[in-house]
């Protein structure tokens, strides 16, 4: 199980790296078509922030929550262990977990054969 997850995590990281390597030189020499203008940055953790600017349509809704089974929690721990073993940071673990959640609902699908 760990081998499959490790290969998946490393494959995703490799694709992201390869995309950056090939897209980087192509976009580095492209002429900017839009003039950039400075944008004001508002930090949400300061007490003087006007929340009406941060949430323009009123009160923010409730946060979503996903209940995980014991198998799913074990798979998340395996993904985290694989990213740590590969020397990747927390963001890589988050991306890997989000991908696994989207693709397989964090369940070990095993060998799917001809499907």
PDB file of N, CA and C in Angstrom:
ATOM      1  N   UNK A   1       0.832  -1.192   0.000  1.00  0.00           N
ATOM      2  CA  UNK A   1       0.000   0.000   0.000  1.00  0.00           C
ATOM      3  C   UNK A   1       0.872   1.250   0.000  1.00  0.00           C
ATOM      4  N   UNK A   2       1.895   1.264   0.847  1.00  0.00           N
ATOM      5  CA  UNK A   2       2.750   2.443   0.912  1.00  0.00           C
ATOM      6  C   UNK A   2       3.487   2.678  -0.401  1.00  0.00           C
ATOM      7  N   UNK A   3       3.825   1.611  -1.103  1.00  0.00           N
ATOM      8  CA  UNK A   3       4.534   1.761  -2.368  1.00  0.00           C
ATOM      9  C   UNK A   3       3.646   2.443  -3.404  1.00  0.00           C
ATOM     10  N   UNK A   4       2.381   2.064  -3.448  1.00  0.00           N
ATOM     11  CA  UNK A   4       1.452   2.665  -4.416  1.00  0.00           C
ATOM     12  C   UNK A   4       1.264   4.138  -4.094  1.00  0.00           C
ATOM     13  N   UNK A   5       1.060   4.447  -2.828  1.00  0.00           N
ATOM     14  CA  UNK A   5       0.857   5.839  -2.431  1.00  0.00           C
ATOM     15  C   UNK A   5       2.116   6.652  -2.686  1.00  0.00           C
ATOM     16  N   UNK A   6       3.269   6.094  -2.354  1.00  0.00           N
ATOM     17  CA  UNK A   6       4.527   6.806  -2.563  1.00  0.00           C
ATOM     18  C   UNK A   6       4.732   7.089  -4.049  1.00  0.00           C
ATOM     19  N   UNK A   7       4.455   6.097  -4.900  1.00  0.00           N
ATOM     20  CA  UNK A   7       4.600   6.308  -6.340  1.00  0.00           C
ATOM     21  C   UNK A   7       3.615   7.351  -6.837  1.00  0.00           C
ATOM     22  N   UNK A   8       2.409   7.346  -6.289  1.00  0.00           N
ATOM     23  CA  UNK A   8       1.412   8.344  -6.701  1.00  0.00           C
ATOM     24  C   UNK A   8       1.859   9.737  -6.311  1.00  0.00           C
ATOM     25  N   UNK A   9       2.322   9.891  -5.075  1.00  0.00           N
ATOM     26  CA  UNK A   9       2.761  11.204  -4.596  1.00  0.00           C
ATOM     27  C   UNK A   9       3.954  11.693  -5.412  1.00  0.00           C
ATOM     28  N   UNK A  10       4.911  10.808  -5.641  1.00  0.00           N
ATOM     29  CA  UNK A  10       6.088  11.201  -6.408  1.00  0.00           C
ATOM     30  C   UNK A  10       5.736  11.483  -7.863  1.00  0.00           C
ATOM     31  N   UNK A  11       4.771  10.758  -8.406  1.00  0.00           N
ATOM     32  CA  UNK A  11       4.333  11.014  -9.778  1.00  0.00           C
ATOM     33  C   UNK A  11       3.677  12.374  -9.920  1.00  0.00           C
ATOM     34  N   UNK A  12       2.835  12.717  -8.953  1.00  0.00           N
ATOM     35  CA  UNK A  12       2.174  14.027  -8.978  1.00  0.00           C
ATOM     36  C   UNK A  12       3.205  15.135  -8.834  1.00  0.00           C
ATOM     37  N   UNK A  13       4.142  14.948  -7.914  1.00  0.00           N
ATOM     38  CA  UNK A  13       5.186  15.959  -7.723  1.00  0.00           C
ATOM     39  C   UNK A  13       6.038  16.099  -8.985  1.00  0.00           C
ATOM     40  N   UNK A  14       6.315  14.973  -9.644  1.00  0.00           N
ATOM     41  CA  UNK A  14       7.101  15.013 -10.871  1.00  0.00           C
ATOM     42  C   UNK A  14       6.385  15.748 -11.993  1.00  0.00           C
ATOM     43  N   UNK A  15       5.079  15.511 -12.100  1.00  0.00           N
ATOM     44  CA  UNK A  15       4.301  16.225 -13.117  1.00  0.00           C
ATOM     45  C   UNK A  15       4.287  17.724 -12.848  1.00  0.00           C
ATOM     46  N   UNK A  16       4.118  18.098 -11.575  1.00  0.00           N
ATOM     47  CA  UNK A  16       4.108  19.518 -11.235  1.00  0.00           C
ATOM     48  C   UNK A  16       5.468  20.150 -11.547  1.00  0.00           C
ATOM     49  N   UNK A  17       6.547  19.434 -11.226  1.00  0.00           N
ATOM     50  CA  UNK A  17       7.885  19.946 -11.493  1.00  0.00           C
ATOM     51  C   UNK A  17       8.125  20.069 -12.995  1.00  0.00           C
ATOM     52  N   UNK A  18       7.749  19.015 -13.739  1.00  0.00           N
ATOM     53  CA  UNK A  18       7.965  19.040 -15.185  1.00  0.00           C
ATOM     54  C   UNK A  18       7.156  20.155 -15.839  1.00  0.00           C
ATOM     55  N   UNK A  19       5.944  20.369 -15.365  1.00  0.00           N
ATOM     56  CA  UNK A  19       5.140  21.459 -15.909  1.00  0.00           C
ATOM     57  C   UNK A  19       5.793  22.802 -15.670  1.00  0.00           C
ATOM     58  N   UNK A  20       6.380  22.985 -14.498  1.00  0.00           N
ATOM     59  CA  UNK A  20       7.071  24.231 -14.196  1.00  0.00           C
ATOM     60  C   UNK A  20       8.333  24.412 -15.014  1.00  0.00           C
ATOM     61  N   UNK A  21       9.056  23.308 -15.238  1.00  0.00           N
ATOM     62  CA  UNK A  21      10.295  23.381 -16.008  1.00  0.00           C
ATOM     63  C   UNK A  21      10.003  23.748 -17.460  1.00  0.00           C
ATOM     64  N   UNK A  22       8.978  23.124 -18.044  1.00  0.00           N
ATOM     65  CA  UNK A  22       8.694  23.375 -19.452  1.00  0.00           C
ATOM     66  C   UNK A  22       7.909  24.660 -19.668  1.00  0.00           C
ATOM     67  N   UNK A  23       7.033  25.004 -18.751  1.00  0.00           N
ATOM     68  CA  UNK A  23       6.240  26.222 -18.909  1.00  0.00           C
ATOM     69  C   UNK A  23       7.026  27.461 -18.483  1.00  0.00           C
ATOM     70  N   UNK A  24       7.975  27.283 -17.579  1.00  0.00           N
ATOM     71  CA  UNK A  24       8.736  28.423 -17.083  1.00  0.00           C
ATOM     72  C   UNK A  24       9.488  29.171 -18.161  1.00  0.00           C
ATOM     73  N   UNK A  25      10.334  28.488 -18.971  1.00  0.00           N
ATOM     74  CA  UNK A  25      11.064  29.210 -20.019  1.00  0.00           C
ATOM     75  C   UNK A  25      10.149  29.824 -21.067  1.00  0.00           C
ATOM     76  N   UNK A  26       9.029  29.177 -21.355  1.00  0.00           N
ATOM     77  CA  UNK A  26       8.123  29.712 -22.377  1.00  0.00           C
ATOM     78  C   UNK A  26       7.455  30.989 -21.890  1.00  0.00           C
ATOM     79  N   UNK A  27       7.117  31.045 -20.622  1.00  0.00           N
ATOM     80  CA  UNK A  27       6.440  32.234 -20.110  1.00  0.00           C
ATOM     81  C   UNK A  27       7.413  33.294 -19.638  1.00  0.00           C
ATOM     82  N   UNK A  28       8.672  32.931 -19.424  1.00  0.00           N
ATOM     83  CA  UNK A  28       9.640  33.911 -18.926  1.00  0.00           C
ATOM     84  C   UNK A  28       9.973  34.957 -19.987  1.00  0.00           C
ATOM     85  N   UNK A  29       9.949  34.567 -21.256  1.00  0.00           N
ATOM     86  CA  UNK A  29      10.311  35.477 -22.332  1.00  0.00           C
ATOM     87  C   UNK A  29       9.104  36.130 -22.995  1.00  0.00           C
ATOM     88  N   UNK A  30       7.925  35.780 -22.551  1.00  0.00           N
ATOM     89  CA  UNK A  30       6.721  36.363 -23.147  1.00  0.00           C
ATOM     90  C   UNK A  30       6.585  37.812 -22.706  1.00  0.00           C
ATOM     91  N   UNK A  31       6.197  38.651 -23.640  1.00  0.00           N
ATOM     92  CA  UNK A  31       6.014  40.069 -23.329  1.00  0.00           C
ATOM     93  C   UNK A  31       4.717  40.247 -22.543  1.00  0.00           C
ATOM     94  N   UNK A  32       4.754  41.033 -21.476  1.00  0.00           N
ATOM     95  CA  UNK A  32       3.525  41.235 -20.717  1.00  0.00           C
ATOM     96  C   UNK A  32       2.509  42.013 -21.536  1.00  0.00           C
ATOM     97  N   UNK A  33       1.291  41.501 -21.612  1.00  0.00           N
ATOM     98  CA  UNK A  33       0.274  42.147 -22.429  1.00  0.00           C
ATOM     99  C   UNK A  33      -0.583  43.108 -21.604  1.00  0.00           C
ATOM    100  N   UNK A  34      -0.516  43.002 -20.292  1.00  0.00           N
ATOM    101  CA  UNK A  34      -1.317  43.861 -19.424  1.00  0.00           C
ATOM    102  C   UNK A  34      -0.381  44.631 -18.512  1.00  0.00           C
ATOM    103  N   UNK A  35      -0.617  45.903 -18.373  1.00  0.00           N
ATOM    104  CA  UNK A  35       0.208  46.691 -17.468  1.00  0.00           C
ATOM    105  C   UNK A  35      -0.212  46.400 -16.042  1.00  0.00           C
ATOM    106  N   UNK A  36       0.764  46.125 -15.212  1.00  0.00           N
ATOM    107  CA  UNK A  36       0.430  45.802 -13.826  1.00  0.00           C
ATOM    108  C   UNK A  36       0.344  47.083 -12.999  1.00  0.00           C
ATOM    109  N   UNK A  37      -0.604  47.084 -12.100  1.00  0.00           N
ATOM    110  CA  UNK A  37      -0.770  48.213 -11.189  1.00  0.00           C
ATOM    111  C   UNK A  37      -0.689  47.687  -9.771  1.00  0.00           C
ATOM    112  N   UNK A  38      -0.167  48.457  -8.841  1.00  0.00           N
ATOM    113  CA  UNK A  38      -0.071  47.990  -7.467  1.00  0.00           C
ATOM    114  C   UNK A  38      -1.461  47.759  -6.875  1.00  0.00           C
ATOM    115  N   UNK A  39      -1.554  46.730  -6.059  1.00  0.00           N
ATOM    116  CA  UNK A  39      -2.816  46.379  -5.413  1.00  0.00           C
ATOM    117  C   UNK A  39      -2.620  46.475  -3.909  1.00  0.00           C
ATOM    118  N   UNK A  40      -3.581  47.061  -3.226  1.00  0.00           N
ATOM    119  CA  UNK A  40      -3.506  47.159  -1.771  1.00  0.00           C
ATOM    120  C   UNK A  40      -3.749  45.784  -1.160  1.00  0.00           C
ATOM    121  N   UNK A  41      -2.941  45.415  -0.197  1.00  0.00           N
ATOM    122  CA  UNK A  41      -3.074  44.135   0.476  1.00  0.00           C
ATOM    123  C   UNK A  41      -3.654  44.375   1.860  1.00  0.00           C
ATOM    124  N   UNK A  42      -4.697  43.635   2.193  1.00  0.00           N
ATOM    125  CA  UNK A  42      -5.335  43.759   3.495  1.00  0.00           C
ATOM    126  C   UNK A  42      -5.101  42.465   4.251  1.00  0.00           C
ATOM    127  N   UNK A  43      -4.560  42.564   5.442  1.00  0.00           N
ATOM    128  CA  UNK A  43      -4.333  41.377   6.249  1.00  0.00           C
ATOM    129  C   UNK A  43      -5.555  41.109   7.117  1.00  0.00           C
ATOM    130  N   UNK A  44      -6.025  39.874   7.103  1.00  0.00           N
ATOM    131  CA  UNK A  44      -7.263  39.530   7.789  1.00  0.00           C
ATOM    132  C   UNK A  44      -7.089  39.421   9.302  1.00  0.00           C
ATOM    133  N   UNK A  45      -5.871  39.258   9.777  1.00  0.00           N
ATOM    134  CA  UNK A  45      -5.704  39.048  11.213  1.00  0.00           C
ATOM    135  C   UNK A  45      -5.515  40.345  12.007  1.00  0.00           C
ATOM    136  N   UNK A  46      -5.511  41.471  11.341  1.00  0.00           N
ATOM    137  CA  UNK A  46      -5.379  42.733  12.063  1.00  0.00           C
ATOM    138  C   UNK A  46      -6.762  43.195  12.518  1.00  0.00           C
ATOM    139  N   UNK A  47      -6.878  43.768  13.712  1.00  0.00           N
ATOM    140  CA  UNK A  47      -8.198  44.136  14.234  1.00  0.00           C
ATOM    141  C   UNK A  47      -8.858  45.295  13.495  1.00  0.00           C
ATOM    142  N   UNK A  48      -8.091  46.091  12.757  1.00  0.00           N
ATOM    143  CA  UNK A  48      -8.669  47.253  12.100  1.00  0.00           C
ATOM    144  C   UNK A  48      -9.215  46.953  10.703  1.00  0.00           C
ATOM    145  N   UNK A  49      -9.316  45.678  10.336  1.00  0.00           N
ATOM    146  CA  UNK A  49      -9.782  45.299   9.007  1.00  0.00           C
ATOM    147  C   UNK A  49     -11.303  45.402   8.942  1.00  0.00           C
ATOM    148  N   UNK A  50     -11.785  46.011   7.874  1.00  0.00           N
ATOM    149  CA  UNK A  50     -13.218  46.098   7.647  1.00  0.00           C
ATOM    150  C   UNK A  50     -13.671  44.799   6.984  1.00  0.00           C
ATOM    151  N   UNK A  51     -14.408  43.972   7.721  1.00  0.00           N
ATOM    152  CA  UNK A  51     -14.801  42.669   7.194  1.00  0.00           C
ATOM    153  C   UNK A  51     -15.778  42.786   6.029  1.00  0.00           C
ATOM    154  N   UNK A  52     -16.416  43.915   5.868  1.00  0.00           N
ATOM    155  CA  UNK A  52     -17.307  44.108   4.719  1.00  0.00           C
ATOM    156  C   UNK A  52     -16.507  44.092   3.416  1.00  0.00           C
ATOM    157  N   UNK A  53     -15.235  44.503   3.467  1.00  0.00           N
ATOM    158  CA  UNK A  53     -14.391  44.457   2.273  1.00  0.00           C
ATOM    159  C   UNK A  53     -13.921  43.030   1.989  1.00  0.00           C
ATOM    160  N   UNK A  54     -13.725  42.251   3.058  1.00  0.00           N
ATOM    161  CA  UNK A  54     -13.255  40.885   2.873  1.00  0.00           C
ATOM    162  C   UNK A  54     -14.386  39.956   2.437  1.00  0.00           C
ATOM    163  N   UNK A  55     -15.578  40.158   2.991  1.00  0.00           N
ATOM    164  CA  UNK A  55     -16.746  39.354   2.652  1.00  0.00           C
ATOM    165  C   UNK A  55     -17.799  40.309   2.112  1.00  0.00           C
ATOM    166  N   UNK A  56     -17.781  40.589   0.821  1.00  0.00           N
ATOM    167  CA  UNK A  56     -18.633  41.651   0.290  1.00  0.00           C
ATOM    168  C   UNK A  56     -20.125  41.337   0.294  1.00  0.00           C
ATOM    169  N   UNK A  57     -20.516  40.085   0.392  1.00  0.00           N
ATOM    170  CA  UNK A  57     -21.933  39.735   0.295  1.00  0.00           C
ATOM    171  C   UNK A  57     -22.525  39.342   1.645  1.00  0.00           C
ATOM    172  N   UNK A  58     -22.022  39.860   2.721  1.00  0.00           N
ATOM    173  CA  UNK A  58     -22.615  39.578   4.022  1.00  0.00           C
ATOM    174  C   UNK A  58     -21.846  38.543   4.811  1.00  0.00           C
ATOM    175  N   UNK A  59     -22.555  37.779   5.585  1.00  0.00           N
ATOM    176  CA  UNK A  59     -21.964  36.826   6.522  1.00  0.00           C
ATOM    177  C   UNK A  59     -21.486  35.588   5.774  1.00  0.00           C
ATOM    178  N   UNK A  60     -20.319  35.131   6.183  1.00  0.00           N
ATOM    179  CA  UNK A  60     -19.748  33.937   5.574  1.00  0.00           C
ATOM    180  C   UNK A  60     -20.518  32.713   6.063  1.00  0.00           C
ATOM    181  N   UNK A  61     -20.711  31.735   5.184  1.00  0.00           N
ATOM    182  CA  UNK A  61     -21.439  30.517   5.522  1.00  0.00           C
ATOM    183  C   UNK A  61     -20.633  29.592   6.400  1.00  0.00           C
ATOM    184  N   UNK A  62     -21.280  28.526   6.804  1.00  0.00           N
ATOM    185  CA  UNK A  62     -20.642  27.526   7.661  1.00  0.00           C
ATOM    186  C   UNK A  62     -19.546  26.800   6.889  1.00  0.00           C
ATOM    187  N   UNK A  63     -18.540  26.370   7.587  1.00  0.00           N
ATOM    188  CA  UNK A  63     -17.448  25.624   6.982  1.00  0.00           C
ATOM    189  C   UNK A  63     -17.895  24.199   6.692  1.00  0.00           C
ATOM    190  N   UNK A  64     -17.407  23.637   5.614  1.00  0.00           N
ATOM    191  CA  UNK A  64     -17.750  22.251   5.296  1.00  0.00           C
ATOM    192  C   UNK A  64     -16.903  21.318   6.145  1.00  0.00           C
ATOM    193  N   UNK A  65     -17.390  20.111   6.311  1.00  0.00           N
ATOM    194  CA  UNK A  65     -16.709  19.132   7.156  1.00  0.00           C
ATOM    195  C   UNK A  65     -16.845  17.766   6.506  1.00  0.00           C
ATOM    196  N   UNK A  66     -15.772  17.013   6.485  1.00  0.00           N
ATOM    197  CA  UNK A  66     -15.788  15.674   5.913  1.00  0.00           C
ATOM    198  C   UNK A  66     -15.468  14.688   7.024  1.00  0.00           C
ATOM    199  N   UNK A  67     -16.378  13.759   7.284  1.00  0.00           N
ATOM    200  CA  UNK A  67     -16.120  12.704   8.260  1.00  0.00           C
ATOM    201  C   UNK A  67     -15.327  11.599   7.579  1.00  0.00           C
ATOM    202  N   UNK A  68     -14.203  11.206   8.182  1.00  0.00           N
ATOM    203  CA  UNK A  68     -13.337  10.189   7.600  1.00  0.00           C
ATOM    204  C   UNK A  68     -13.427   8.899   8.393  1.00  0.00           C
ATOM    205  N   UNK A  69     -13.379   7.776   7.681  1.00  0.00           N
ATOM    206  CA  UNK A  69     -13.342   6.477   8.342  1.00  0.00           C
ATOM    207  C   UNK A  69     -11.916   6.214   8.841  1.00  0.00           C
ATOM    208  N   UNK A  70     -11.756   5.137   9.595  1.00  0.00           N
ATOM    209  CA  UNK A  70     -10.421   4.786  10.099  1.00  0.00           C
ATOM    210  C   UNK A  70      -9.468   4.451   8.945  1.00  0.00           C
ATOM    211  N   UNK A  71      -9.997   3.796   7.898  1.00  0.00           N
ATOM    212  CA  UNK A  71      -9.162   3.483   6.734  1.00  0.00           C
ATOM    213  C   UNK A  71      -8.690   4.753   6.030  1.00  0.00           C
ATOM    214  N   UNK A  72      -9.579   5.738   5.904  1.00  0.00           N
ATOM    215  CA  UNK A  72      -9.208   6.985   5.245  1.00  0.00           C
ATOM    216  C   UNK A  72      -8.163   7.743   6.062  1.00  0.00           C
ATOM    217  N   UNK A  73      -8.311   7.756   7.377  1.00  0.00           N
ATOM    218  CA  UNK A  73      -7.330   8.415   8.246  1.00  0.00           C
ATOM    219  C   UNK A  73      -5.971   7.724   8.120  1.00  0.00           C
ATOM    220  N   UNK A  74      -5.981   6.396   8.063  1.00  0.00           N
ATOM    221  CA  UNK A  74      -4.725   5.654   7.893  1.00  0.00           C
ATOM    222  C   UNK A  74      -4.074   5.992   6.554  1.00  0.00           C
ATOM    223  N   UNK A  75      -4.884   6.157   5.506  1.00  0.00           N
ATOM    224  CA  UNK A  75      -4.338   6.517   4.193  1.00  0.00           C
ATOM    225  C   UNK A  75      -3.757   7.930   4.197  1.00  0.00           C
ATOM    226  N   UNK A  76      -4.407   8.851   4.912  1.00  0.00           N
ATOM    227  CA  UNK A  76      -3.868  10.211   5.033  1.00  0.00           C
ATOM    228  C   UNK A  76      -2.519  10.176   5.747  1.00  0.00           C
ATOM    229  N   UNK A  77      -2.436   9.389   6.810  1.00  0.00           N
ATOM    230  CA  UNK A  77      -1.161   9.275   7.536  1.00  0.00           C
ATOM    231  C   UNK A  77      -0.075   8.684   6.644  1.00  0.00           C
ATOM    232  N   UNK A  78      -0.446   7.737   5.781  1.00  0.00           N
ATOM    233  CA  UNK A  78       0.531   7.145   4.862  1.00  0.00           C
ATOM    234  C   UNK A  78       1.000   8.178   3.835  1.00  0.00           C
ATOM    235  N   UNK A  79       0.093   9.018   3.367  1.00  0.00           N
ATOM    236  CA  UNK A  79       0.470  10.070   2.415  1.00  0.00           C
ATOM    237  C   UNK A  79       1.428  11.052   3.074  1.00  0.00           C
ATOM    238  N   UNK A  80       1.125  11.449   4.307  1.00  0.00           N
ATOM    239  CA  UNK A  80       1.997  12.375   5.031  1.00  0.00           C
ATOM    240  C   UNK A  80       3.377  11.758   5.236  1.00  0.00           C
ATOM    241  N   UNK A  81       3.406  10.483   5.618  1.00  0.00           N
ATOM    242  CA  UNK A  81       4.688   9.799   5.824  1.00  0.00           C
ATOM    243  C   UNK A  81       5.486   9.735   4.522  1.00  0.00           C
ATOM    244  N   UNK A  82       4.802   9.481   3.399  1.00  0.00           N
ATOM    245  CA  UNK A  82       5.502   9.400   2.109  1.00  0.00           C
ATOM    246  C   UNK A  82       6.078  10.748   1.698  1.00  0.00           C
ATOM    247  N   UNK A  83       5.330  11.833   1.946  1.00  0.00           N
ATOM    248  CA  UNK A  83       5.855  13.148   1.578  1.00  0.00           C
ATOM    249  C   UNK A  83       7.039  13.531   2.461  1.00  0.00           C
ATOM    250  N   UNK A  84       6.962  13.184   3.751  1.00  0.00           N
ATOM    251  CA  UNK A  84       8.104  13.461   4.640  1.00  0.00           C
ATOM    252  C   UNK A  84       9.320  12.660   4.218  1.00  0.00           C
ATOM    253  N   UNK A  85       9.107  11.372   3.889  1.00  0.00           N
ATOM    254  CA  UNK A  85      10.221  10.515   3.490  1.00  0.00           C
ATOM    255  C   UNK A  85      10.871  11.017   2.195  1.00  0.00           C
ATOM    256  N   UNK A  86      10.051  11.603   1.313  1.00  0.00           N
ATOM    257  CA  UNK A  86      10.573  12.131   0.052  1.00  0.00           C
ATOM    258  C   UNK A  86      11.210  13.508   0.226  1.00  0.00           C
ATOM    259  N   UNK A  87      11.138  14.066   1.446  1.00  0.00           N
ATOM    260  CA  UNK A  87      11.754  15.367   1.707  1.00  0.00           C
ATOM    261  C   UNK A  87      10.917  16.539   1.233  1.00  0.00           C
ATOM    262  N   UNK A  88       9.617  16.323   1.044  1.00  0.00           N
ATOM    263  CA  UNK A  88       8.737  17.398   0.588  1.00  0.00           C
ATOM    264  C   UNK A  88       8.164  18.161   1.778  1.00  0.00           C
ATOM    265  N   UNK A  89       7.664  19.365   1.529  1.00  0.00           N
ATOM    266  CA  UNK A  89       7.130  20.196   2.605  1.00  0.00           C
ATOM    267  C   UNK A  89       5.646  19.913   2.853  1.00  0.00           C
ATOM    268  N   UNK A  90       5.059  20.694   3.774  1.00  0.00           N
ATOM    269  CA  UNK A  90       3.658  20.494   4.148  1.00  0.00           C
ATOM    270  C   UNK A  90       2.714  20.753   2.984  1.00  0.00           C
ATOM    271  N   UNK A  91       3.056  21.707   2.134  1.00  0.00           N
ATOM    272  CA  UNK A  91       2.186  22.032   1.000  1.00  0.00           C
ATOM    273  C   UNK A  91       2.068  20.841   0.065  1.00  0.00           C
ATOM    274  N   UNK A  92       3.158  20.128  -0.138  1.00  0.00           N
ATOM    275  CA  UNK A  92       3.122  18.930  -0.982  1.00  0.00           C
ATOM    276  C   UNK A  92       2.196  17.880  -0.376  1.00  0.00           C
ATOM    277  N   UNK A  93       2.219  17.757   0.952  1.00  0.00           N
ATOM    278  CA  UNK A  93       1.328  16.801   1.621  1.00  0.00           C
ATOM    279  C   UNK A  93      -0.128  17.220   1.443  1.00  0.00           C
ATOM    280  N   UNK A  94      -0.407  18.519   1.564  1.00  0.00           N
ATOM    281  CA  UNK A  94      -1.777  19.012   1.406  1.00  0.00           C
ATOM    282  C   UNK A  94      -2.273  18.761  -0.018  1.00  0.00           C
ATOM    283  N   UNK A  95      -1.429  19.046  -1.003  1.00  0.00           N
ATOM    284  CA  UNK A  95      -1.810  18.820  -2.396  1.00  0.00           C
ATOM    285  C   UNK A  95      -2.042  17.328  -2.643  1.00  0.00           C
ATOM    286  N   UNK A  96      -1.190  16.488  -2.076  1.00  0.00           N
ATOM    287  CA  UNK A  96      -1.329  15.040  -2.258  1.00  0.00           C
ATOM    288  C   UNK A  96      -2.612  14.529  -1.622  1.00  0.00           C
ATOM    289  N   UNK A  97      -2.912  15.009  -0.422  1.00  0.00           N
ATOM    290  CA  UNK A  97      -4.141  14.586   0.259  1.00  0.00           C
ATOM    291  C   UNK A  97      -5.366  15.073  -0.497  1.00  0.00           C
ATOM    292  N   UNK A  98      -5.331  16.315  -0.964  1.00  0.00           N
ATOM    293  CA  UNK A  98      -6.463  16.847  -1.723  1.00  0.00           C
ATOM    294  C   UNK A  98      -6.677  16.059  -3.011  1.00  0.00           C
ATOM    295  N   UNK A  99      -5.597  15.674  -3.672  1.00  0.00           N
ATOM    296  CA  UNK A  99      -5.703  14.877  -4.894  1.00  0.00           C
ATOM    297  C   UNK A  99      -6.284  13.507  -4.602  1.00  0.00           C
ATOM    298  N   UNK A 100      -5.794  12.868  -3.538  1.00  0.00           N
ATOM    299  CA  UNK A 100      -6.306  11.547  -3.177  1.00  0.00           C
ATOM    300  C   UNK A 100      -7.779  11.622  -2.754  1.00  0.00           C
ATOM    301  N   UNK A 101      -8.154  12.689  -2.083  1.00  0.00           N
ATOM    302  CA  UNK A 101      -9.551  12.874  -1.687  1.00  0.00           C
ATOM    303  C   UNK A 101     -10.432  13.022  -2.915  1.00  0.00           C
ATOM    304  N   UNK A 102      -9.971  13.776  -3.896  1.00  0.00           N
ATOM    305  CA  UNK A 102     -10.751  13.992  -5.118  1.00  0.00           C
ATOM    306  C   UNK A 102     -10.830  12.727  -5.964  1.00  0.00           C
ATOM    307  N   UNK A 103      -9.712  12.046  -6.122  1.00  0.00           N
ATOM    308  CA  UNK A 103      -9.648  10.929  -7.049  1.00  0.00           C
ATOM    309  C   UNK A 103     -10.224   9.634  -6.495  1.00  0.00           C
ATOM    310  N   UNK A 104     -10.037   9.366  -5.199  1.00  0.00           N
ATOM    311  CA  UNK A 104     -10.462   8.068  -4.667  1.00  0.00           C
ATOM    312  C   UNK A 104     -11.172   8.171  -3.326  1.00  0.00           C
ATOM    313  N   UNK A 105     -11.505   9.382  -2.902  1.00  0.00           N
ATOM    314  CA  UNK A 105     -12.137   9.603  -1.595  1.00  0.00           C
ATOM    315  C   UNK A 105     -11.280   9.034  -0.467  1.00  0.00           C
ATOM    316  N   UNK A 106      -9.958   9.063  -0.672  1.00  0.00           N
ATOM    317  CA  UNK A 106      -8.967   8.577   0.291  1.00  0.00           C
ATOM    318  C   UNK A 106      -9.127   7.093   0.603  1.00  0.00           C
ATOM    319  N   UNK A 107      -9.701   6.343  -0.322  1.00  0.00           N
ATOM    320  CA  UNK A 107      -9.852   4.902  -0.139  1.00  0.00           C
ATOM    321  C   UNK A 107      -8.836   4.186  -1.007  1.00  0.00           C
ATOM    322  N   UNK A 108      -8.318   3.081  -0.509  1.00  0.00           N
ATOM    323  CA  UNK A 108      -7.355   2.298  -1.260  1.00  0.00           C
ATOM    324  C   UNK A 108      -8.133   1.446  -2.257  1.00  0.00           C
ATOM    325  N   UNK A 109      -8.052   1.787  -3.531  1.00  0.00           N
ATOM    326  CA  UNK A 109      -8.830   1.101  -4.551  1.00  0.00           C
ATOM    327  C   UNK A 109      -8.184  -0.195  -5.004  1.00  0.00           C
ATOM    328  N   UNK A 110      -6.920  -0.384  -4.693  1.00  0.00           N
ATOM    329  CA  UNK A 110      -6.240  -1.598  -5.112  1.00  0.00           C
ATOM    330  C   UNK A 110      -6.057  -1.651  -6.615  1.00  0.00           C
ATOM    331  N   UNK A 111      -5.856  -2.835  -7.137  1.00  0.00           N
ATOM    332  CA  UNK A 111      -5.667  -3.021  -8.575  1.00  0.00           C
ATOM    333  C   UNK A 111      -7.036  -3.067  -9.246  1.00  0.00           C
ATOM    334  N   UNK A 112      -7.282  -2.176 -10.195  1.00  0.00           N
ATOM    335  CA  UNK A 112      -8.578  -2.106 -10.848  1.00  0.00           C
ATOM    336  C   UNK A 112      -8.685  -2.987 -12.094  1.00  0.00           C
ATOM    337  N   UNK A 113      -7.597  -3.639 -12.451  1.00  0.00           N
ATOM    338  CA  UNK A 113      -7.643  -4.555 -13.594  1.00  0.00           C
ATOM    339  C   UNK A 113      -7.927  -3.837 -14.889  1.00  0.00           C
ATOM    340  N   UNK A 114      -8.896  -4.345 -15.637  1.00  0.00           N
ATOM    341  CA  UNK A 114      -9.213  -3.798 -16.957  1.00  0.00           C
ATOM    342  C   UNK A 114     -10.128  -2.589 -16.911  1.00  0.00           C
ATOM    343  N   UNK A 115     -10.581  -2.199 -15.736  1.00  0.00           N
ATOM    344  CA  UNK A 115     -11.519  -1.077 -15.642  1.00  0.00           C
ATOM    345  C   UNK A 115     -10.850   0.183 -15.987  1.00  0.00           C
TER     346      UNK A 115
END
